[in-house]
Amino acid sequence: MYKHKSHKSANSTSINIIGEIQLEIKIQGHTTLILADVATNIITDLLLGNDWIAENNVIIDSPQRHIFLTDKYY
């Protein structure tokens, strides 16, 4: 059963969460499952949270608009 969640955007406005869905994310041959919140009022298709970024050893190259997953065992 869905529980109401409250999230705030970077500019402190409320994000309208309407549900959640399990998604399979594939990046550079790496597949992971996430439980994603579904929102109606954000301007991007997907936001990956800091918890997912840290758990998957992600490097973000903002100027080039790329993300890389590093091998977490090396």
PDB file of N, CA and C in Angstrom:
ATOM      1  N   MET A   1       0.837  -1.176   0.000  1.00  0.00           N
ATOM      2  CA  MET A   1       0.000   0.000   0.000  1.00  0.00           C
ATOM      3  C   MET A   1       0.888   1.247   0.000  1.00  0.00           C
ATOM      4  N   TYR A   2       0.526   2.239  -0.792  1.00  0.00           N
ATOM      5  CA  TYR A   2       1.297   3.472  -0.914  1.00  0.00           C
ATOM      6  C   TYR A   2       1.118   4.347   0.324  1.00  0.00           C
ATOM      7  N   LYS A   3       2.245   4.846   0.843  1.00  0.00           N
ATOM      8  CA  LYS A   3       2.226   5.789   1.960  1.00  0.00           C
ATOM      9  C   LYS A   3       2.546   7.175   1.409  1.00  0.00           C
ATOM     10  N   HIS A   4       1.823   8.178   1.867  1.00  0.00           N
ATOM     11  CA  HIS A   4       2.079   9.545   1.417  1.00  0.00           C
ATOM     12  C   HIS A   4       3.493   9.960   1.804  1.00  0.00           C
ATOM     13  N   LYS A   5       4.211  10.530   0.843  1.00  0.00           N
ATOM     14  CA  LYS A   5       5.568  11.015   1.077  1.00  0.00           C
ATOM     15  C   LYS A   5       5.616  12.503   0.785  1.00  0.00           C
ATOM     16  N   SER A   6       6.511  13.175   1.451  1.00  0.00           N
ATOM     17  CA  SER A   6       6.684  14.606   1.247  1.00  0.00           C
ATOM     18  C   SER A   6       8.132  14.877   0.868  1.00  0.00           C
ATOM     19  N   HIS A   7       8.323  15.481  -0.292  1.00  0.00           N
ATOM     20  CA  HIS A   7       9.661  15.843  -0.755  1.00  0.00           C
ATOM     21  C   HIS A   7       9.684  17.321  -1.108  1.00  0.00           C
ATOM     22  N   LYS A   8      10.854  17.908  -0.998  1.00  0.00           N
ATOM     23  CA  LYS A   8      11.055  19.304  -1.384  1.00  0.00           C
ATOM     24  C   LYS A   8      12.094  19.362  -2.494  1.00  0.00           C
ATOM     25  N   SER A   9      11.916  20.300  -3.406  1.00  0.00           N
ATOM     26  CA  SER A   9      12.889  20.506  -4.478  1.00  0.00           C
ATOM     27  C   SER A   9      14.053  21.351  -3.959  1.00  0.00           C
ATOM     28  N   ALA A  10      15.035  21.582  -4.821  1.00  0.00           N
ATOM     29  CA  ALA A  10      16.202  22.378  -4.427  1.00  0.00           C
ATOM     30  C   ALA A  10      15.814  23.793  -4.017  1.00  0.00           C
ATOM     31  N   ASN A  11      14.725  24.318  -4.590  1.00  0.00           N
ATOM     32  CA  ASN A  11      14.302  25.673  -4.217  1.00  0.00           C
ATOM     33  C   ASN A  11      13.197  25.659  -3.152  1.00  0.00           C
ATOM     34  N   SER A  12      13.049  24.519  -2.471  1.00  0.00           N
ATOM     35  CA  SER A  12      12.138  24.338  -1.333  1.00  0.00           C
ATOM     36  C   SER A  12      10.653  24.297  -1.689  1.00  0.00           C
ATOM     37  N   THR A  13      10.310  24.138  -2.970  1.00  0.00           N
ATOM     38  CA  THR A  13       8.907  23.944  -3.312  1.00  0.00           C
ATOM     39  C   THR A  13       8.548  22.475  -3.126  1.00  0.00           C
ATOM     40  N   SER A  14       7.287  22.209  -2.864  1.00  0.00           N
ATOM     41  CA  SER A  14       6.832  20.840  -2.654  1.00  0.00           C
ATOM     42  C   SER A  14       6.801  20.076  -3.971  1.00  0.00           C
ATOM     43  N   ILE A  15       7.191  18.802  -3.910  1.00  0.00           N
ATOM     44  CA  ILE A  15       7.101  17.913  -5.065  1.00  0.00           C
ATOM     45  C   ILE A  15       5.860  17.051  -4.866  1.00  0.00           C
ATOM     46  N   ASN A  16       4.994  17.021  -5.876  1.00  0.00           N
ATOM     47  CA  ASN A  16       3.727  16.304  -5.797  1.00  0.00           C
ATOM     48  C   ASN A  16       3.925  14.828  -6.134  1.00  0.00           C
ATOM     49  N   ILE A  17       4.070  13.986  -5.105  1.00  0.00           N
ATOM     50  CA  ILE A  17       4.264  12.547  -5.284  1.00  0.00           C
ATOM     51  C   ILE A  17       2.895  11.887  -5.407  1.00  0.00           C
ATOM     52  N   ILE A  18       2.695  11.110  -6.509  1.00  0.00           N
ATOM     53  CA  ILE A  18       1.396  10.471  -6.735  1.00  0.00           C
ATOM     54  C   ILE A  18       1.451   8.950  -6.634  1.00  0.00           C
ATOM     55  N   GLY A  19       2.641   8.390  -6.420  1.00  0.00           N
ATOM     56  CA  GLY A  19       2.764   6.943  -6.294  1.00  0.00           C
ATOM     57  C   GLY A  19       4.216   6.520  -6.359  1.00  0.00           C
ATOM     58  N   GLU A  20       4.423   5.217  -6.513  1.00  0.00           N
ATOM     59  CA  GLU A  20       5.785   4.701  -6.655  1.00  0.00           C
ATOM     60  C   GLU A  20       5.761   3.511  -7.599  1.00  0.00           C
ATOM     61  N   ILE A  21       6.923   3.228  -8.191  1.00  0.00           N
ATOM     62  CA  ILE A  21       7.052   2.151  -9.158  1.00  0.00           C
ATOM     63  C   ILE A  21       8.455   1.560  -9.065  1.00  0.00           C
ATOM     64  N   GLN A  22       8.566   0.262  -9.295  1.00  0.00           N
ATOM     65  CA  GLN A  22       9.886  -0.363  -9.343  1.00  0.00           C
ATOM     66  C   GLN A  22      10.417  -0.226 -10.766  1.00  0.00           C
ATOM     67  N   LEU A  23      11.644   0.275 -10.893  1.00  0.00           N
ATOM     68  CA  LEU A  23      12.277   0.491 -12.193  1.00  0.00           C
ATOM     69  C   LEU A  23      13.590  -0.259 -12.275  1.00  0.00           C
ATOM     70  N   GLU A  24      13.925  -0.699 -13.469  1.00  0.00           N
ATOM     71  CA  GLU A  24      15.229  -1.293 -13.741  1.00  0.00           C
ATOM     72  C   GLU A  24      16.064  -0.233 -14.450  1.00  0.00           C
ATOM     73  N   ILE A  25      17.192   0.129 -13.867  1.00  0.00           N
ATOM     74  CA  ILE A  25      18.091   1.136 -14.423  1.00  0.00           C
ATOM     75  C   ILE A  25      19.299   0.422 -15.017  1.00  0.00           C
ATOM     76  N   LYS A  26      19.611   0.715 -16.286  1.00  0.00           N
ATOM     77  CA  LYS A  26      20.780   0.123 -16.943  1.00  0.00           C
ATOM     78  C   LYS A  26      21.712   1.242 -17.392  1.00  0.00           C
ATOM     79  N   ILE A  27      22.947   1.217 -16.878  1.00  0.00           N
ATOM     80  CA  ILE A  27      23.974   2.193 -17.252  1.00  0.00           C
ATOM     81  C   ILE A  27      25.276   1.439 -17.428  1.00  0.00           C
ATOM     82  N   GLN A  28      25.911   1.600 -18.575  1.00  0.00           N
ATOM     83  CA  GLN A  28      27.206   0.968 -18.861  1.00  0.00           C
ATOM     84  C   GLN A  28      27.193  -0.532 -18.556  1.00  0.00           C
ATOM     85  N   GLY A  29      26.118  -1.222 -18.902  1.00  0.00           N
ATOM     86  CA  GLY A  29      26.035  -2.652 -18.669  1.00  0.00           C
ATOM     87  C   GLY A  29      25.712  -3.040 -17.238  1.00  0.00           C
ATOM     88  N   HIS A  30      25.605  -2.074 -16.352  1.00  0.00           N
ATOM     89  CA  HIS A  30      25.270  -2.314 -14.942  1.00  0.00           C
ATOM     90  C   HIS A  30      23.761  -2.159 -14.785  1.00  0.00           C
ATOM     91  N   THR A  31      23.106  -3.160 -14.220  1.00  0.00           N
ATOM     92  CA  THR A  31      21.660  -3.125 -14.005  1.00  0.00           C
ATOM     93  C   THR A  31      21.371  -3.095 -12.513  1.00  0.00           C
ATOM     94  N   THR A  32      20.468  -2.233 -12.117  1.00  0.00           N
ATOM     95  CA  THR A  32      20.054  -2.144 -10.720  1.00  0.00           C
ATOM     96  C   THR A  32      18.554  -1.879 -10.671  1.00  0.00           C
ATOM     97  N   LEU A  33      17.907  -2.337  -9.633  1.00  0.00           N
ATOM     98  CA  LEU A  33      16.487  -2.072  -9.423  1.00  0.00           C
ATOM     99  C   LEU A  33      16.334  -0.982  -8.378  1.00  0.00           C
ATOM    100  N   ILE A  34      15.399  -0.073  -8.625  1.00  0.00           N
ATOM    101  CA  ILE A  34      15.110   0.980  -7.657  1.00  0.00           C
ATOM    102  C   ILE A  34      13.604   1.071  -7.453  1.00  0.00           C
ATOM    103  N   LEU A  35      13.202   1.514  -6.293  1.00  0.00           N
ATOM    104  CA  LEU A  35      11.814   1.848  -6.031  1.00  0.00           C
ATOM    105  C   LEU A  35      11.725   3.362  -6.161  1.00  0.00           C
ATOM    106  N   ALA A  36      11.069   3.821  -7.223  1.00  0.00           N
ATOM    107  CA  ALA A  36      11.060   5.246  -7.555  1.00  0.00           C
ATOM    108  C   ALA A  36       9.726   5.885  -7.201  1.00  0.00           C
ATOM    109  N   ASP A  37       9.788   7.098  -6.689  1.00  0.00           N
ATOM    110  CA  ASP A  37       8.580   7.890  -6.482  1.00  0.00           C
ATOM    111  C   ASP A  37       8.175   8.505  -7.813  1.00  0.00           C
ATOM    112  N   VAL A  38       6.872   8.586  -8.059  1.00  0.00           N
ATOM    113  CA  VAL A  38       6.335   9.189  -9.280  1.00  0.00           C
ATOM    114  C   VAL A  38       5.795  10.564  -8.911  1.00  0.00           C
ATOM    115  N   ALA A  39       6.256  11.589  -9.633  1.00  0.00           N
ATOM    116  CA  ALA A  39       5.852  12.970  -9.345  1.00  0.00           C
ATOM    117  C   ALA A  39       5.267  13.618 -10.592  1.00  0.00           C
ATOM    118  N   THR A  40       4.417  14.610 -10.375  1.00  0.00           N
ATOM    119  CA  THR A  40       3.771  15.300 -11.497  1.00  0.00           C
ATOM    120  C   THR A  40       4.411  16.635 -11.835  1.00  0.00           C
ATOM    121  N   ASN A  41       5.200  17.189 -10.951  1.00  0.00           N
ATOM    122  CA  ASN A  41       5.650  18.567 -11.146  1.00  0.00           C
ATOM    123  C   ASN A  41       7.170  18.726 -11.099  1.00  0.00           C
ATOM    124  N   ILE A  42       7.900  17.843 -11.788  1.00  0.00           N
ATOM    125  CA  ILE A  42       9.340  18.055 -11.941  1.00  0.00           C
ATOM    126  C   ILE A  42       9.640  18.187 -13.429  1.00  0.00           C
ATOM    127  N   ILE A  43      10.767  18.796 -13.766  1.00  0.00           N
ATOM    128  CA  ILE A  43      11.056  19.130 -15.160  1.00  0.00           C
ATOM    129  C   ILE A  43      12.008  18.151 -15.833  1.00  0.00           C
ATOM    130  N   THR A  44      12.236  17.007 -15.222  1.00  0.00           N
ATOM    131  CA  THR A  44      13.120  16.005 -15.796  1.00  0.00           C
ATOM    132  C   THR A  44      12.432  14.643 -15.729  1.00  0.00           C
ATOM    133  N   ASP A  45      12.893  13.712 -16.554  1.00  0.00           N
ATOM    134  CA  ASP A  45      12.278  12.388 -16.574  1.00  0.00           C
ATOM    135  C   ASP A  45      12.647  11.542 -15.366  1.00  0.00           C
ATOM    136  N   LEU A  46      13.872  11.725 -14.852  1.00  0.00           N
ATOM    137  CA  LEU A  46      14.350  10.879 -13.760  1.00  0.00           C
ATOM    138  C   LEU A  46      15.366  11.628 -12.921  1.00  0.00           C
ATOM    139  N   LEU A  47      15.256  11.498 -11.609  1.00  0.00           N
ATOM    140  CA  LEU A  47      16.258  12.003 -10.670  1.00  0.00           C
ATOM    141  C   LEU A  47      16.809  10.818  -9.900  1.00  0.00           C
ATOM    142  N   LEU A  48      18.110  10.658  -9.911  1.00  0.00           N
ATOM    143  CA  LEU A  48      18.746   9.602  -9.125  1.00  0.00           C
ATOM    144  C   LEU A  48      19.236  10.230  -7.826  1.00  0.00           C
ATOM    145  N   GLY A  49      18.816   9.686  -6.706  1.00  0.00           N
ATOM    146  CA  GLY A  49      19.136  10.261  -5.405  1.00  0.00           C
ATOM    147  C   GLY A  49      20.560  10.001  -4.970  1.00  0.00           C
ATOM    148  N   ASN A  50      20.998  10.775  -3.987  1.00  0.00           N
ATOM    149  CA  ASN A  50      22.351  10.622  -3.453  1.00  0.00           C
ATOM    150  C   ASN A  50      22.594   9.235  -2.885  1.00  0.00           C
ATOM    151  N   ASP A  51      21.557   8.598  -2.332  1.00  0.00           N
ATOM    152  CA  ASP A  51      21.734   7.244  -1.808  1.00  0.00           C
ATOM    153  C   ASP A  51      22.087   6.273  -2.931  1.00  0.00           C
ATOM    154  N   TRP A  52      21.399   6.368  -4.070  1.00  0.00           N
ATOM    155  CA  TRP A  52      21.697   5.498  -5.217  1.00  0.00           C
ATOM    156  C   TRP A  52      23.072   5.827  -5.800  1.00  0.00           C
ATOM    157  N   ILE A  53      23.391   7.106  -5.903  1.00  0.00           N
ATOM    158  CA  ILE A  53      24.681   7.546  -6.448  1.00  0.00           C
ATOM    159  C   ILE A  53      25.829   6.994  -5.604  1.00  0.00           C
ATOM    160  N   ALA A  54      25.726   7.095  -4.281  1.00  0.00           N
ATOM    161  CA  ALA A  54      26.785   6.592  -3.400  1.00  0.00           C
ATOM    162  C   ALA A  54      26.877   5.073  -3.446  1.00  0.00           C
ATOM    163  N   GLU A  55      25.739   4.399  -3.410  1.00  0.00           N
ATOM    164  CA  GLU A  55      25.720   2.933  -3.400  1.00  0.00           C
ATOM    165  C   GLU A  55      26.305   2.340  -4.682  1.00  0.00           C
ATOM    166  N   ASN A  56      26.180   3.057  -5.793  1.00  0.00           N
ATOM    167  CA  ASN A  56      26.637   2.547  -7.084  1.00  0.00           C
ATOM    168  C   ASN A  56      27.934   3.187  -7.566  1.00  0.00           C
ATOM    169  N   ASN A  57      28.621   3.907  -6.686  1.00  0.00           N
ATOM    170  CA  ASN A  57      29.928   4.513  -6.990  1.00  0.00           C
ATOM    171  C   ASN A  57      29.909   5.307  -8.289  1.00  0.00           C
ATOM    172  N   VAL A  58      29.009   6.246  -8.356  1.00  0.00           N
ATOM    173  CA  VAL A  58      28.814   7.044  -9.561  1.00  0.00           C
ATOM    174  C   VAL A  58      29.720   8.271  -9.541  1.00  0.00           C
ATOM    175  N   ILE A  59      30.319   8.563 -10.692  1.00  0.00           N
ATOM    176  CA  ILE A  59      31.069   9.804 -10.899  1.00  0.00           C
ATOM    177  C   ILE A  59      30.242  10.655 -11.854  1.00  0.00           C
ATOM    178  N   ILE A  60      29.996  11.896 -11.474  1.00  0.00           N
ATOM    179  CA  ILE A  60      29.202  12.799 -12.300  1.00  0.00           C
ATOM    180  C   ILE A  60      30.120  13.838 -12.918  1.00  0.00           C
ATOM    181  N   ASP A  61      30.125  13.895 -14.251  1.00  0.00           N
ATOM    182  CA  ASP A  61      30.891  14.892 -15.004  1.00  0.00           C
ATOM    183  C   ASP A  61      29.890  15.936 -15.497  1.00  0.00           C
ATOM    184  N   SER A  62      29.635  16.935 -14.662  1.00  0.00           N
ATOM    185  CA  SER A  62      28.612  17.932 -14.977  1.00  0.00           C
ATOM    186  C   SER A  62      28.881  18.718 -16.254  1.00  0.00           C
ATOM    187  N   PRO A  63      30.114  19.221 -16.484  1.00  0.00           N
ATOM    188  CA  PRO A  63      30.334  19.989 -17.716  1.00  0.00           C
ATOM    189  C   PRO A  63      30.044  19.183 -18.989  1.00  0.00           C
ATOM    190  N   GLN A  64      30.367  17.896 -18.973  1.00  0.00           N
ATOM    191  CA  GLN A  64      30.145  17.058 -20.151  1.00  0.00           C
ATOM    192  C   GLN A  64      28.760  16.400 -20.150  1.00  0.00           C
ATOM    193  N   ARG A  65      28.030  16.543 -19.044  1.00  0.00           N
ATOM    194  CA  ARG A  65      26.700  15.951 -18.883  1.00  0.00           C
ATOM    195  C   ARG A  65      26.735  14.432 -19.029  1.00  0.00           C
ATOM    196  N   HIS A  66      27.716  13.795 -18.359  1.00  0.00           N
ATOM    197  CA  HIS A  66      27.871  12.346 -18.360  1.00  0.00           C
ATOM    198  C   HIS A  66      27.903  11.832 -16.929  1.00  0.00           C
ATOM    199  N   ILE A  67      27.475  10.584 -16.759  1.00  0.00           N
ATOM    200  CA  ILE A  67      27.691   9.899 -15.491  1.00  0.00           C
ATOM    201  C   ILE A  67      28.412   8.591 -15.773  1.00  0.00           C
ATOM    202  N   PHE A  68      29.245   8.182 -14.833  1.00  0.00           N
ATOM    203  CA  PHE A  68      30.029   6.959 -14.964  1.00  0.00           C
ATOM    204  C   PHE A  68      29.869   6.142 -13.693  1.00  0.00           C
ATOM    205  N   LEU A  69      29.768   4.834 -13.859  1.00  0.00           N
ATOM    206  CA  LEU A  69      29.780   3.927 -12.719  1.00  0.00           C
ATOM    207  C   LEU A  69      31.160   3.323 -12.633  1.00  0.00           C
ATOM    208  N   THR A  70      31.743   3.363 -11.437  1.00  0.00           N
ATOM    209  CA  THR A  70      33.061   2.776 -11.242  1.00  0.00           C
ATOM    210  C   THR A  70      32.899   1.409 -10.605  1.00  0.00           C
ATOM    211  N   ASP A  71      33.907   0.581 -10.730  1.00  0.00           N
ATOM    212  CA  ASP A  71      33.870  -0.748 -10.122  1.00  0.00           C
ATOM    213  C   ASP A  71      34.017  -0.591  -8.622  1.00  0.00           C
ATOM    214  N   LYS A  72      33.005  -0.977  -7.858  1.00  0.00           N
ATOM    215  CA  LYS A  72      33.030  -0.754  -6.412  1.00  0.00           C
ATOM    216  C   LYS A  72      33.997  -1.652  -5.667  1.00  0.00           C
ATOM    217  N   TYR A  73      34.643  -2.582  -6.359  1.00  0.00           N
ATOM    218  CA  TYR A  73      35.575  -3.489  -5.699  1.00  0.00           C
ATOM    219  C   TYR A  73      37.030  -3.087  -5.903  1.00  0.00           C
ATOM    220  N   TYR A  74      37.286  -2.013  -6.641  1.00  0.00           N
ATOM    221  CA  TYR A  74      38.663  -1.566  -6.887  1.00  0.00           C
ATOM    222  C   TYR A  74      38.826  -0.140  -6.458  1.00  0.00           C
TER     223      TYR A  74
END
